[in-house]
Amino acid sequence: MKKDNNKKQDLQTRREFFKKAAKTVLPIIGSILIIQLFCTKSNK
């Protein structure tokens, strides 16, 4: 029974880690892409 609880706990902590990582990384990637779009349009 404890193994099942440990597996569930581990999955939850992994899920939380990926949620936090996505919340911090995605805005950075999005802002870089937007800046690149503006730079390429202004160069034309």
C-alpha atoms as a PDB file:
ATOM      1  CA  MET A   1       0.000   0.000   0.000  1.00  0.00           C
ATOM      2  CA  LYS A   2       2.847   2.369   0.773  1.00  0.00           C
ATOM      3  CA  LYS A   3       4.380   1.800  -2.651  1.00  0.00           C
ATOM      4  CA  ASP A   4       1.160   2.940  -4.300  1.00  0.00           C
ATOM      5  CA  ASN A   5       1.094   6.080  -2.171  1.00  0.00           C
ATOM      6  CA  ASN A   6       4.745   6.779  -2.940  1.00  0.00           C
ATOM      7  CA  LYS A   7       4.125   6.394  -6.667  1.00  0.00           C
ATOM      8  CA  LYS A   8       1.148   8.743  -6.526  1.00  0.00           C
ATOM      9  CA  GLN A   9       3.135  11.248  -4.471  1.00  0.00           C
ATOM     10  CA  ASP A  10       6.043  11.043  -6.903  1.00  0.00           C
ATOM     11  CA  LEU A  11       3.751  11.607  -9.871  1.00  0.00           C
ATOM     12  CA  GLN A  12       2.196  14.611  -8.155  1.00  0.00           C
ATOM     13  CA  THR A  13       5.552  16.158  -7.381  1.00  0.00           C
ATOM     14  CA  ARG A  14       6.729  15.600 -10.961  1.00  0.00           C
ATOM     15  CA  ARG A  15       3.519  17.110 -12.264  1.00  0.00           C
ATOM     16  CA  GLU A  16       3.943  20.150 -10.017  1.00  0.00           C
ATOM     17  CA  PHE A  17       7.559  20.540 -11.118  1.00  0.00           C
ATOM     18  CA  PHE A  18       6.622  20.511 -14.796  1.00  0.00           C
ATOM     19  CA  LYS A  19       3.780  22.963 -14.195  1.00  0.00           C
ATOM     20  CA  LYS A  20       6.127  25.382 -12.456  1.00  0.00           C
ATOM     21  CA  ALA A  21       8.776  24.944 -15.125  1.00  0.00           C
ATOM     22  CA  ALA A  22       6.271  25.563 -17.904  1.00  0.00           C
ATOM     23  CA  LYS A  23       4.919  28.667 -16.174  1.00  0.00           C
ATOM     24  CA  THR A  24       8.394  30.166 -16.021  1.00  0.00           C
ATOM     25  CA  VAL A  25       9.794  29.033 -19.379  1.00  0.00           C
ATOM     26  CA  LEU A  26       6.827  29.561 -21.705  1.00  0.00           C
ATOM     27  CA  PRO A  27       6.500  33.333 -21.195  1.00  0.00           C
ATOM     28  CA  ILE A  28      10.223  33.732 -21.864  1.00  0.00           C
ATOM     29  CA  ILE A  29      10.000  31.711 -25.077  1.00  0.00           C
ATOM     30  CA  GLY A  30       6.882  33.617 -26.120  1.00  0.00           C
ATOM     31  CA  SER A  31       8.496  36.994 -25.587  1.00  0.00           C
ATOM     32  CA  ILE A  32      11.566  35.943 -27.577  1.00  0.00           C
ATOM     33  CA  LEU A  33       9.354  34.806 -30.457  1.00  0.00           C
ATOM     34  CA  ILE A  34       7.370  38.057 -30.440  1.00  0.00           C
ATOM     35  CA  ILE A  35      10.562  40.123 -30.442  1.00  0.00           C
ATOM     36  CA  GLN A  36      11.893  38.101 -33.367  1.00  0.00           C
ATOM     37  CA  LEU A  37       8.660  38.619 -35.289  1.00  0.00           C
ATOM     38  CA  PHE A  38       8.871  42.382 -34.817  1.00  0.00           C
ATOM     39  CA  CYS A  39      12.535  42.444 -35.792  1.00  0.00           C
ATOM     40  CA  THR A  40      11.994  40.473 -38.983  1.00  0.00           C
ATOM     41  CA  LYS A  41       9.013  42.625 -40.005  1.00  0.00           C
ATOM     42  CA  SER A  42      10.888  45.871 -39.389  1.00  0.00           C
ATOM     43  CA  ASN A  43      13.863  44.716 -41.469  1.00  0.00           C
ATOM     44  CA  LYS A  44      11.738  44.170 -44.598  1.00  0.00           C
END
